[in-house]
PDB file of all heavy atoms in Angstrom:
ATOM      1  N   GLN A   1      -5.746  13.344   1.505  1.00  0.00           N
ATOM      2  CA  GLN A   1      -4.956  12.232   1.983  1.00  0.00           C
ATOM      3  C   GLN A   1      -3.999  12.618   3.057  1.00  0.00           C
ATOM      4  O   GLN A   1      -3.381  13.674   2.952  1.00  0.00           O
ATOM      5  CB  GLN A   1      -4.166  11.612   0.784  1.00  0.00           C
ATOM      6  CG  GLN A   1      -5.039  11.177  -0.322  1.00  0.00           C
ATOM      7  CD  GLN A   1      -4.200  10.628  -1.568  1.00  0.00           C
ATOM      8  OE1 GLN A   1      -2.976  10.512  -1.426  1.00  0.00           O
ATOM      9  NE2 GLN A   1      -4.869  10.311  -2.681  1.00  0.00           N
ATOM     10  N   TRP A   2      -3.986  11.795   4.155  1.00  0.00           N
ATOM     11  CA  TRP A   2      -2.987  12.036   5.250  1.00  0.00           C
ATOM     12  C   TRP A   2      -2.010  10.895   5.108  1.00  0.00           C
ATOM     13  O   TRP A   2      -2.296   9.747   4.843  1.00  0.00           O
ATOM     14  CB  TRP A   2      -3.747  11.939   6.559  1.00  0.00           C
ATOM     15  CG  TRP A   2      -4.657  13.020   6.883  1.00  0.00           C
ATOM     16  CD1 TRP A   2      -6.092  12.849   6.867  1.00  0.00           C
ATOM     17  CD2 TRP A   2      -4.434  14.310   7.364  1.00  0.00           C
ATOM     18  NE1 TRP A   2      -6.637  14.007   7.231  1.00  0.00           N
ATOM     19  CE2 TRP A   2      -5.662  14.942   7.533  1.00  0.00           C
ATOM     20  CE3 TRP A   2      -3.278  15.042   7.632  1.00  0.00           C
ATOM     21  CZ2 TRP A   2      -5.789  16.227   8.046  1.00  0.00           C
ATOM     22  CZ3 TRP A   2      -3.378  16.326   8.008  1.00  0.00           C
ATOM     23  CH2 TRP A   2      -4.649  16.931   8.255  1.00  0.00           C
ATOM     24  N   SER A   3      -0.714  11.206   5.468  1.00  0.00           N
ATOM     25  CA  SER A   3       0.298  10.181   5.642  1.00  0.00           C
ATOM     26  C   SER A   3       1.279  10.671   6.666  1.00  0.00           C
ATOM     27  O   SER A   3       1.352  11.892   7.028  1.00  0.00           O
ATOM     28  CB  SER A   3       0.966   9.944   4.261  1.00  0.00           C
ATOM     29  OG  SER A   3       1.562  11.121   3.715  1.00  0.00           O
ATOM     30  N   PRO A   4       2.186   9.765   7.140  1.00  0.00           N
ATOM     31  CA  PRO A   4       3.162  10.178   8.231  1.00  0.00           C
ATOM     32  C   PRO A   4       4.049  11.197   7.607  1.00  0.00           C
ATOM     33  O   PRO A   4       4.455  11.195   6.354  1.00  0.00           O
ATOM     34  CB  PRO A   4       3.846   8.895   8.560  1.00  0.00           C
ATOM     35  CG  PRO A   4       2.864   7.795   8.160  1.00  0.00           C
ATOM     36  CD  PRO A   4       2.189   8.331   7.009  1.00  0.00           C
ATOM     37  N   ASN A   5       4.557  12.121   8.382  1.00  0.00           N
ATOM     38  CA  ASN A   5       5.696  13.062   8.053  1.00  0.00           C
ATOM     39  C   ASN A   5       6.895  12.232   7.689  1.00  0.00           C
ATOM     40  O   ASN A   5       7.314  11.317   8.492  1.00  0.00           O
ATOM     41  CB  ASN A   5       5.933  14.024   9.149  1.00  0.00           C
ATOM     42  CG  ASN A   5       6.904  15.138   8.745  1.00  0.00           C
ATOM     43  OD1 ASN A   5       7.940  14.892   8.156  1.00  0.00           O
ATOM     44  ND2 ASN A   5       6.551  16.419   9.105  1.00  0.00           N
ATOM     45  N   PRO A   6       7.454  12.409   6.520  1.00  0.00           N
ATOM     46  CA  PRO A   6       8.605  11.554   6.123  1.00  0.00           C
ATOM     47  C   PRO A   6       9.932  11.829   6.932  1.00  0.00           C
ATOM     48  O   PRO A   6      10.877  11.030   6.804  1.00  0.00           O
ATOM     49  CB  PRO A   6       8.842  11.865   4.701  1.00  0.00           C
ATOM     50  CG  PRO A   6       8.247  13.275   4.505  1.00  0.00           C
ATOM     51  CD  PRO A   6       7.108  13.363   5.441  1.00  0.00           C
ATOM     52  N   ASP A   7       9.940  12.887   7.737  1.00  0.00           N
ATOM     53  CA  ASP A   7      11.152  13.215   8.523  1.00  0.00           C
ATOM     54  C   ASP A   7      11.399  12.094   9.561  1.00  0.00           C
ATOM     55  O   ASP A   7      10.580  11.940  10.449  1.00  0.00           O
ATOM     56  CB  ASP A   7      10.911  14.570   9.165  1.00  0.00           C
ATOM     57  CG  ASP A   7      12.245  14.992   9.899  1.00  0.00           C
ATOM     58  OD1 ASP A   7      13.168  14.142  10.212  1.00  0.00           O
ATOM     59  OD2 ASP A   7      12.347  16.284  10.152  1.00  0.00           O
ATOM     60  N   PRO A   8      12.467  11.320   9.497  1.00  0.00           N
ATOM     61  CA  PRO A   8      12.694  10.277  10.429  1.00  0.00           C
ATOM     62  C   PRO A   8      12.908  10.660  11.874  1.00  0.00           C
ATOM     63  O   PRO A   8      12.927   9.922  12.814  1.00  0.00           O
ATOM     64  CB  PRO A   8      13.870   9.468   9.861  1.00  0.00           C
ATOM     65  CG  PRO A   8      14.668  10.540   9.081  1.00  0.00           C
ATOM     66  CD  PRO A   8      13.545  11.458   8.532  1.00  0.00           C
ATOM     67  N   ASN A   9      13.211  11.975  12.004  1.00  0.00           N
ATOM     68  CA  ASN A   9      13.538  12.514  13.327  1.00  0.00           C
ATOM     69  C   ASN A   9      12.335  12.857  14.166  1.00  0.00           C
ATOM     70  O   ASN A   9      12.401  13.217  15.302  1.00  0.00           O
ATOM     71  CB  ASN A   9      14.472  13.677  13.264  1.00  0.00           C
ATOM     72  CG  ASN A   9      15.843  13.305  12.667  1.00  0.00           C
ATOM     73  OD1 ASN A   9      16.423  12.317  13.091  1.00  0.00           O
ATOM     74  ND2 ASN A   9      16.273  14.105  11.656  1.00  0.00           N
ATOM     75  N   LEU A  10      11.134  12.791  13.471  1.00  0.00           N
ATOM     76  CA  LEU A  10       9.943  13.283  14.159  1.00  0.00           C
ATOM     77  C   LEU A  10       9.184  12.012  14.588  1.00  0.00           C
ATOM     78  O   LEU A  10       8.950  11.044  13.797  1.00  0.00           O
ATOM     79  CB  LEU A  10       9.020  14.111  13.255  1.00  0.00           C
ATOM     80  CG  LEU A  10       9.538  15.450  12.807  1.00  0.00           C
ATOM     81  CD1 LEU A  10       8.649  16.099  11.885  1.00  0.00           C
ATOM     82  CD2 LEU A  10       9.646  16.311  14.088  1.00  0.00           C
ATOM     83  N   HIS A  11       8.696  11.979  15.803  1.00  0.00           N
ATOM     84  CA  HIS A  11       7.917  10.868  16.353  1.00  0.00           C
ATOM     85  C   HIS A  11       6.690  11.412  17.081  1.00  0.00           C
ATOM     86  O   HIS A  11       6.771  12.389  17.869  1.00  0.00           O
ATOM     87  CB  HIS A  11       8.837  10.088  17.435  1.00  0.00           C
ATOM     88  CG  HIS A  11      10.069   9.649  16.789  1.00  0.00           C
ATOM     89  ND1 HIS A  11      10.180   8.468  15.949  1.00  0.00           N
ATOM     90  CD2 HIS A  11      11.354  10.080  16.930  1.00  0.00           C
ATOM     91  CE1 HIS A  11      11.445   8.351  15.618  1.00  0.00           C
ATOM     92  NE2 HIS A  11      12.236   9.255  16.137  1.00  0.00           N
ATOM     93  N   ASP A  12       5.536  10.822  16.806  1.00  0.00           N
ATOM     94  CA  ASP A  12       4.339  11.188  17.398  1.00  0.00           C
ATOM     95  C   ASP A  12       4.399  11.192  18.917  1.00  0.00           C
ATOM     96  O   ASP A  12       5.057  10.304  19.520  1.00  0.00           O
ATOM     97  CB  ASP A  12       3.226  10.337  16.949  1.00  0.00           C
ATOM     98  CG  ASP A  12       2.838  10.450  15.500  1.00  0.00           C
ATOM     99  OD1 ASP A  12       3.269  11.441  14.847  1.00  0.00           O
ATOM    100  OD2 ASP A  12       2.085   9.542  14.948  1.00  0.00           O
ATOM    101  N   VAL A  13       3.779  12.232  19.539  1.00  0.00           N
ATOM    102  CA  VAL A  13       3.716  12.202  21.046  1.00  0.00           C
ATOM    103  C   VAL A  13       2.331  11.626  21.420  1.00  0.00           C
ATOM    104  O   VAL A  13       1.337  12.251  21.014  1.00  0.00           O
ATOM    105  CB  VAL A  13       3.849  13.674  21.583  1.00  0.00           C
ATOM    106  CG1 VAL A  13       3.635  13.685  23.049  1.00  0.00           C
ATOM    107  CG2 VAL A  13       5.158  14.237  21.100  1.00  0.00           C
ATOM    108  N   ILE A  14       2.301  10.518  22.115  1.00  0.00           N
ATOM    109  CA  ILE A  14       1.103   9.882  22.444  1.00  0.00           C
ATOM    110  C   ILE A  14       0.948   9.786  23.963  1.00  0.00           C
ATOM    111  O   ILE A  14       1.694   9.111  24.637  1.00  0.00           O
ATOM    112  CB  ILE A  14       1.006   8.424  21.886  1.00  0.00           C
ATOM    113  CG1 ILE A  14       1.329   8.449  20.355  1.00  0.00           C
ATOM    114  CG2 ILE A  14      -0.245   7.790  22.171  1.00  0.00           C
ATOM    115  CD1 ILE A  14       0.308   9.184  19.492  1.00  0.00           C
ATOM    116  N   GLU A  15      -0.040  10.491  24.416  1.00  0.00           N
ATOM    117  CA  GLU A  15      -0.401  10.461  25.862  1.00  0.00           C
ATOM    118  C   GLU A  15      -1.911  10.070  26.025  1.00  0.00           C
ATOM    119  O   GLU A  15      -2.618   9.936  24.940  1.00  0.00           O
ATOM    120  CB  GLU A  15      -0.087  11.740  26.516  1.00  0.00           C
ATOM    121  CG  GLU A  15       1.407  12.211  26.474  1.00  0.00           C
ATOM    122  CD  GLU A  15       1.594  13.618  26.878  1.00  0.00           C
ATOM    123  OE1 GLU A  15       0.662  14.428  26.947  1.00  0.00           O
ATOM    124  OE2 GLU A  15       2.796  13.910  27.179  1.00  0.00           O
ATOM    125  N   ASP A  16      -2.305   9.884  27.256  1.00  0.00           N
ATOM    126  CA  ASP A  16      -3.667   9.375  27.473  1.00  0.00           C
ATOM    127  C   ASP A  16      -4.734  10.271  26.785  1.00  0.00           C
ATOM    128  O   ASP A  16      -5.584   9.815  26.144  1.00  0.00           O
ATOM    129  CB  ASP A  16      -3.940   9.279  28.966  1.00  0.00           C
ATOM    130  CG  ASP A  16      -5.257   8.561  29.285  1.00  0.00           C
ATOM    131  OD1 ASP A  16      -5.673   7.688  28.449  1.00  0.00           O
ATOM    132  OD2 ASP A  16      -5.905   8.952  30.316  1.00  0.00           O
ATOM    133  N   ARG A  17      -4.683  11.528  27.094  1.00  0.00           N
ATOM    134  CA  ARG A  17      -5.610  12.411  26.482  1.00  0.00           C
ATOM    135  C   ARG A  17      -5.071  13.609  25.733  1.00  0.00           C
ATOM    136  O   ARG A  17      -5.653  14.690  25.640  1.00  0.00           O
ATOM    137  CB  ARG A  17      -6.580  13.004  27.661  1.00  0.00           C
ATOM    138  CG  ARG A  17      -7.418  11.959  28.326  1.00  0.00           C
ATOM    139  CD  ARG A  17      -8.453  12.562  29.195  1.00  0.00           C
ATOM    140  NE  ARG A  17      -9.329  11.528  29.818  1.00  0.00           N
ATOM    141  CZ  ARG A  17     -10.405  11.831  30.500  1.00  0.00           C
ATOM    142  NH1 ARG A  17     -10.845  13.069  30.640  1.00  0.00           N
ATOM    143  NH2 ARG A  17     -11.131  10.872  31.031  1.00  0.00           N
ATOM    144  N   HIS A  18      -3.808  13.440  25.257  1.00  0.00           N
ATOM    145  CA  HIS A  18      -3.095  14.460  24.537  1.00  0.00           C
ATOM    146  C   HIS A  18      -2.193  13.808  23.542  1.00  0.00           C
ATOM    147  O   HIS A  18      -1.402  12.880  23.905  1.00  0.00           O
ATOM    148  CB  HIS A  18      -2.345  15.360  25.539  1.00  0.00           C
ATOM    149  CG  HIS A  18      -1.467  16.368  24.826  1.00  0.00           C
ATOM    150  ND1 HIS A  18      -0.136  16.230  24.666  1.00  0.00           N
ATOM    151  CD2 HIS A  18      -1.761  17.527  24.152  1.00  0.00           C
ATOM    152  CE1 HIS A  18       0.438  17.232  24.121  1.00  0.00           C
ATOM    153  NE2 HIS A  18      -0.456  18.047  23.766  1.00  0.00           N
ATOM    154  N   VAL A  19      -2.226  14.244  22.304  1.00  0.00           N
ATOM    155  CA  VAL A  19      -1.318  13.715  21.250  1.00  0.00           C
ATOM    156  C   VAL A  19      -0.853  14.902  20.410  1.00  0.00           C
ATOM    157  O   VAL A  19      -1.485  15.834  20.222  1.00  0.00           O
ATOM    158  CB  VAL A  19      -1.930  12.589  20.395  1.00  0.00           C
ATOM    159  CG1 VAL A  19      -2.441  11.475  21.189  1.00  0.00           C
ATOM    160  CG2 VAL A  19      -3.039  13.138  19.537  1.00  0.00           C
ATOM    161  N   ILE A  20       0.330  14.648  19.831  1.00  0.00           N
ATOM    162  CA  ILE A  20       0.852  15.525  18.704  1.00  0.00           C
ATOM    163  C   ILE A  20       1.166  14.606  17.596  1.00  0.00           C
ATOM    164  O   ILE A  20       2.117  13.734  17.761  1.00  0.00           O
ATOM    165  CB  ILE A  20       2.011  16.389  19.111  1.00  0.00           C
ATOM    166  CG1 ILE A  20       1.623  17.323  20.280  1.00  0.00           C
ATOM    167  CG2 ILE A  20       2.484  17.250  17.854  1.00  0.00           C
ATOM    168  CD1 ILE A  20       2.858  18.105  20.866  1.00  0.00           C
ATOM    169  N   LEU A  21       0.573  14.724  16.468  1.00  0.00           N
ATOM    170  CA  LEU A  21       0.817  13.838  15.303  1.00  0.00           C
ATOM    171  C   LEU A  21       1.517  14.643  14.248  1.00  0.00           C
ATOM    172  O   LEU A  21       1.141  15.828  13.951  1.00  0.00           O
ATOM    173  CB  LEU A  21      -0.507  13.274  14.735  1.00  0.00           C
ATOM    174  CG  LEU A  21      -1.410  12.484  15.773  1.00  0.00           C
ATOM    175  CD1 LEU A  21      -2.611  11.917  14.951  1.00  0.00           C
ATOM    176  CD2 LEU A  21      -0.674  11.389  16.409  1.00  0.00           C
ATOM    177  N   TYR A  22       2.550  14.096  13.641  1.00  0.00           N
ATOM    178  CA  TYR A  22       3.274  14.681  12.571  1.00  0.00           C
ATOM    179  C   TYR A  22       2.848  14.102  11.281  1.00  0.00           C
ATOM    180  O   TYR A  22       3.117  12.886  10.984  1.00  0.00           O
ATOM    181  CB  TYR A  22       4.752  14.608  12.780  1.00  0.00           C
ATOM    182  CG  TYR A  22       5.210  15.243  14.142  1.00  0.00           C
ATOM    183  CD1 TYR A  22       5.403  14.478  15.303  1.00  0.00           C
ATOM    184  CD2 TYR A  22       5.405  16.632  14.183  1.00  0.00           C
ATOM    185  CE1 TYR A  22       5.755  15.132  16.438  1.00  0.00           C
ATOM    186  CE2 TYR A  22       5.827  17.233  15.350  1.00  0.00           C
ATOM    187  CZ  TYR A  22       5.971  16.437  16.475  1.00  0.00           C
ATOM    188  OH  TYR A  22       6.406  17.056  17.698  1.00  0.00           O
ATOM    189  N   ARG A  23       2.198  14.878  10.408  1.00  0.00           N
ATOM    190  CA  ARG A  23       1.538  14.343   9.256  1.00  0.00           C
ATOM    191  C   ARG A  23       1.883  15.133   7.976  1.00  0.00           C
ATOM    192  O   ARG A  23       2.107  16.360   8.022  1.00  0.00           O
ATOM    193  CB  ARG A  23       0.041  14.241   9.403  1.00  0.00           C
ATOM    194  CG  ARG A  23      -0.438  13.315  10.527  1.00  0.00           C
ATOM    195  CD  ARG A  23      -0.134  11.846  10.146  1.00  0.00           C
ATOM    196  NE  ARG A  23      -0.607  10.918  11.110  1.00  0.00           N
ATOM    197  CZ  ARG A  23       0.148  10.385  12.075  1.00  0.00           C
ATOM    198  NH1 ARG A  23       1.442  10.773  12.207  1.00  0.00           N
ATOM    199  NH2 ARG A  23      -0.366   9.544  12.940  1.00  0.00           N
ATOM    200  N   LYS A  24       1.794  14.464   6.830  1.00  0.00           N
ATOM    201  CA  LYS A  24       1.808  15.135   5.578  1.00  0.00           C
ATOM    202  C   LYS A  24       0.404  15.027   4.991  1.00  0.00           C
ATOM    203  O   LYS A  24      -0.267  14.037   5.141  1.00  0.00           O
ATOM    204  CB  LYS A  24       2.769  14.319   4.625  1.00  0.00           C
ATOM    205  CG  LYS A  24       2.838  14.862   3.194  1.00  0.00           C
ATOM    206  CD  LYS A  24       3.867  14.103   2.389  1.00  0.00           C
ATOM    207  CE  LYS A  24       3.955  14.650   0.986  1.00  0.00           C
ATOM    208  NZ  LYS A  24       5.069  13.983   0.196  1.00  0.00           N
ATOM    209  N   TYR A  25      -0.060  16.100   4.338  1.00  0.00           N
ATOM    210  CA  TYR A  25      -1.349  16.147   3.755  1.00  0.00           C
ATOM    211  C   TYR A  25      -1.191  16.456   2.258  1.00  0.00           C
ATOM    212  O   TYR A  25      -0.311  17.196   1.855  1.00  0.00           O
ATOM    213  CB  TYR A  25      -2.292  17.126   4.419  1.00  0.00           C
ATOM    214  CG  TYR A  25      -1.772  18.568   4.414  1.00  0.00           C
ATOM    215  CD1 TYR A  25      -1.954  19.405   3.385  1.00  0.00           C
ATOM    216  CD2 TYR A  25      -0.996  19.097   5.556  1.00  0.00           C
ATOM    217  CE1 TYR A  25      -1.512  20.779   3.315  1.00  0.00           C
ATOM    218  CE2 TYR A  25      -0.482  20.432   5.484  1.00  0.00           C
ATOM    219  CZ  TYR A  25      -0.749  21.159   4.463  1.00  0.00           C
ATOM    220  OH  TYR A  25      -0.204  22.490   4.412  1.00  0.00           O
ATOM    221  N   GLN A  26      -2.093  15.955   1.502  1.00  0.00           N
ATOM    222  CA  GLN A  26      -2.241  16.264   0.021  1.00  0.00           C
ATOM    223  C   GLN A  26      -3.703  16.280  -0.255  1.00  0.00           C
ATOM    224  O   GLN A  26      -4.519  15.482   0.218  1.00  0.00           O
ATOM    225  CB  GLN A  26      -1.535  15.265  -0.765  1.00  0.00           C
ATOM    226  CG  GLN A  26      -0.019  15.123  -0.605  1.00  0.00           C
ATOM    227  CD  GLN A  26       0.663  14.181  -1.433  1.00  0.00           C
ATOM    228  OE1 GLN A  26       0.943  14.469  -2.587  1.00  0.00           O
ATOM    229  NE2 GLN A  26       0.846  12.940  -0.921  1.00  0.00           N
ATOM    230  N   VAL A  27      -4.073  17.238  -1.145  1.00  0.00           N
ATOM    231  CA  VAL A  27      -5.481  17.324  -1.620  1.00  0.00           C
ATOM    232  C   VAL A  27      -5.442  17.394  -3.071  1.00  0.00           C
ATOM    233  O   VAL A  27      -4.658  18.090  -3.745  1.00  0.00           O
ATOM    234  CB  VAL A  27      -6.252  18.610  -1.102  1.00  0.00           C
ATOM    235  CG1 VAL A  27      -7.670  18.603  -1.576  1.00  0.00           C
ATOM    236  CG2 VAL A  27      -6.142  18.639   0.414  1.00  0.00           C
ATOM    237  N   TYR A  28      -6.208  16.484  -3.739  1.00  0.00           N
ATOM    238  CA  TYR A  28      -6.360  16.387  -5.109  1.00  0.00           C
ATOM    239  C   TYR A  28      -7.747  16.712  -5.680  1.00  0.00           C
ATOM    240  O   TYR A  28      -8.712  16.427  -4.985  1.00  0.00           O
ATOM    241  CB  TYR A  28      -5.968  14.952  -5.660  1.00  0.00           C
ATOM    242  CG  TYR A  28      -4.611  14.519  -5.383  1.00  0.00           C
ATOM    243  CD1 TYR A  28      -4.171  13.989  -4.183  1.00  0.00           C
ATOM    244  CD2 TYR A  28      -3.642  14.699  -6.417  1.00  0.00           C
ATOM    245  CE1 TYR A  28      -2.833  13.598  -3.956  1.00  0.00           C
ATOM    246  CE2 TYR A  28      -2.317  14.311  -6.226  1.00  0.00           C
ATOM    247  CZ  TYR A  28      -1.926  13.731  -4.974  1.00  0.00           C
ATOM    248  OH  TYR A  28      -0.636  13.363  -4.809  1.00  0.00           O
ATOM    249  N   ALA A  29      -7.765  17.486  -6.740  1.00  0.00           N
ATOM    250  CA  ALA A  29      -9.065  17.492  -7.527  1.00  0.00           C
ATOM    251  C   ALA A  29      -9.046  16.437  -8.574  1.00  0.00           C
ATOM    252  O   ALA A  29      -8.148  16.227  -9.251  1.00  0.00           O
ATOM    253  CB  ALA A  29      -9.055  18.982  -8.201  1.00  0.00           C
ATOM    254  N   LEU A  30     -10.253  15.786  -8.593  1.00  0.00           N
ATOM    255  CA  LEU A  30     -10.419  14.639  -9.419  1.00  0.00           C
ATOM    256  C   LEU A  30     -11.331  14.925 -10.569  1.00  0.00           C
ATOM    257  O   LEU A  30     -12.476  14.996 -10.489  1.00  0.00           O
ATOM    258  CB  LEU A  30     -11.053  13.424  -8.595  1.00  0.00           C
ATOM    259  CG  LEU A  30     -10.297  13.104  -7.251  1.00  0.00           C
ATOM    260  CD1 LEU A  30     -11.098  12.026  -6.503  1.00  0.00           C
ATOM    261  CD2 LEU A  30      -8.839  12.728  -7.479  1.00  0.00           C
ATOM    262  N   PRO A  31     -10.744  15.198 -11.756  1.00  0.00           N
ATOM    263  CA  PRO A  31     -11.514  15.463 -12.961  1.00  0.00           C
ATOM    264  C   PRO A  31     -12.282  14.224 -13.448  1.00  0.00           C
ATOM    265  O   PRO A  31     -11.915  13.079 -13.089  1.00  0.00           O
ATOM    266  CB  PRO A  31     -10.464  15.901 -14.012  1.00  0.00           C
ATOM    267  CG  PRO A  31      -9.190  15.157 -13.636  1.00  0.00           C
ATOM    268  CD  PRO A  31      -9.301  15.071 -12.129  1.00  0.00           C
ATOM    269  N   THR A  32     -13.302  14.420 -14.233  1.00  0.00           N
ATOM    270  CA  THR A  32     -14.065  13.303 -14.744  1.00  0.00           C
ATOM    271  C   THR A  32     -13.137  12.536 -15.754  1.00  0.00           C
ATOM    272  O   THR A  32     -13.439  11.358 -15.984  1.00  0.00           O
ATOM    273  CB  THR A  32     -15.313  13.854 -15.415  1.00  0.00           C
ATOM    274  OG1 THR A  32     -14.866  14.833 -16.428  1.00  0.00           O
ATOM    275  CG2 THR A  32     -16.239  14.445 -14.411  1.00  0.00           C
ATOM    276  N   GLU A  33     -12.200  13.165 -16.389  1.00  0.00           N
ATOM    277  CA  GLU A  33     -11.309  12.464 -17.324  1.00  0.00           C
ATOM    278  C   GLU A  33      -9.889  13.043 -17.040  1.00  0.00           C
ATOM    279  O   GLU A  33      -9.684  14.105 -16.612  1.00  0.00           O
ATOM    280  CB  GLU A  33     -11.676  12.751 -18.748  1.00  0.00           C
ATOM    281  CG  GLU A  33     -13.010  12.161 -19.104  1.00  0.00           C
ATOM    282  CD  GLU A  33     -13.315  12.439 -20.629  1.00  0.00           C
ATOM    283  OE1 GLU A  33     -12.465  13.006 -21.354  1.00  0.00           O
ATOM    284  OE2 GLU A  33     -14.388  12.010 -21.085  1.00  0.00           O
ATOM    285  N   GLY A  34      -8.900  12.214 -17.326  1.00  0.00           N
ATOM    286  CA  GLY A  34      -7.527  12.661 -17.160  1.00  0.00           C
ATOM    287  C   GLY A  34      -7.034  12.462 -15.776  1.00  0.00           C
ATOM    288  O   GLY A  34      -7.623  11.789 -14.908  1.00  0.00           O
ATOM    289  N   ASP A  35      -5.809  12.953 -15.533  1.00  0.00           N
ATOM    290  CA  ASP A  35      -5.129  12.758 -14.245  1.00  0.00           C
ATOM    291  C   ASP A  35      -5.684  13.707 -13.151  1.00  0.00           C
ATOM    292  O   ASP A  35      -6.141  14.806 -13.407  1.00  0.00           O
ATOM    293  CB  ASP A  35      -3.593  13.041 -14.422  1.00  0.00           C
ATOM    294  CG  ASP A  35      -2.951  11.990 -15.327  1.00  0.00           C
ATOM    295  OD1 ASP A  35      -3.449  10.921 -15.446  1.00  0.00           O
ATOM    296  OD2 ASP A  35      -1.978  12.412 -15.985  1.00  0.00           O
ATOM    297  N   ALA A  36      -5.482  13.255 -11.899  1.00  0.00           N
ATOM    298  CA  ALA A  36      -5.812  13.997 -10.761  1.00  0.00           C
ATOM    299  C   ALA A  36      -4.902  15.203 -10.719  1.00  0.00           C
ATOM    300  O   ALA A  36      -3.768  15.186 -11.022  1.00  0.00           O
ATOM    301  CB  ALA A  36      -5.869  13.288  -9.451  1.00  0.00           C
ATOM    302  N   GLU A  37      -5.374  16.404 -10.175  1.00  0.00           N
ATOM    303  CA  GLU A  37      -4.526  17.610 -10.047  1.00  0.00           C
ATOM    304  C   GLU A  37      -4.403  17.896  -8.614  1.00  0.00           C
ATOM    305  O   GLU A  37      -5.320  18.132  -7.822  1.00  0.00           O
ATOM    306  CB  GLU A  37      -5.345  18.784 -10.683  1.00  0.00           C
ATOM    307  CG  GLU A  37      -4.538  20.118 -10.560  1.00  0.00           C
ATOM    308  CD  GLU A  37      -5.433  21.283 -10.939  1.00  0.00           C
ATOM    309  OE1 GLU A  37      -6.623  21.153 -11.078  1.00  0.00           O
ATOM    310  OE2 GLU A  37      -4.903  22.389 -11.120  1.00  0.00           O
ATOM    311  N   ARG A  38      -3.092  17.923  -8.107  1.00  0.00           N
ATOM    312  CA  ARG A  38      -2.877  18.245  -6.744  1.00  0.00           C
ATOM    313  C   ARG A  38      -3.121  19.743  -6.533  1.00  0.00           C
ATOM    314  O   ARG A  38      -2.548  20.555  -7.226  1.00  0.00           O
ATOM    315  CB  ARG A  38      -1.522  17.821  -6.306  1.00  0.00           C
ATOM    316  CG  ARG A  38      -1.233  17.855  -4.826  1.00  0.00           C
ATOM    317  CD  ARG A  38       0.000  17.170  -4.391  1.00  0.00           C
ATOM    318  NE  ARG A  38       1.175  17.715  -5.051  1.00  0.00           N
ATOM    319  CZ  ARG A  38       2.342  17.022  -5.120  1.00  0.00           C
ATOM    320  NH1 ARG A  38       2.439  15.837  -4.530  1.00  0.00           N
ATOM    321  NH2 ARG A  38       3.377  17.568  -5.693  1.00  0.00           N
ATOM    322  N   ILE A  39      -3.867  20.139  -5.545  1.00  0.00           N
ATOM    323  CA  ILE A  39      -4.146  21.534  -5.300  1.00  0.00           C
ATOM    324  C   ILE A  39      -3.721  22.022  -3.875  1.00  0.00           C
ATOM    325  O   ILE A  39      -3.908  23.159  -3.526  1.00  0.00           O
ATOM    326  CB  ILE A  39      -5.625  21.844  -5.501  1.00  0.00           C
ATOM    327  CG1 ILE A  39      -6.502  20.956  -4.597  1.00  0.00           C
ATOM    328  CG2 ILE A  39      -6.010  21.716  -6.925  1.00  0.00           C
ATOM    329  CD1 ILE A  39      -7.956  21.211  -4.647  1.00  0.00           C
TER     330      ILE A  39
END
């Protein structure tokens, strides 16, 4: 999962052919039963 970086002082740099995106990432393992495990 991707989401915006929660730091309010960071703002994406958007240009015609160049960008810098500030993002938070999380990866979960999804078991067949029980809760997902963040890895």
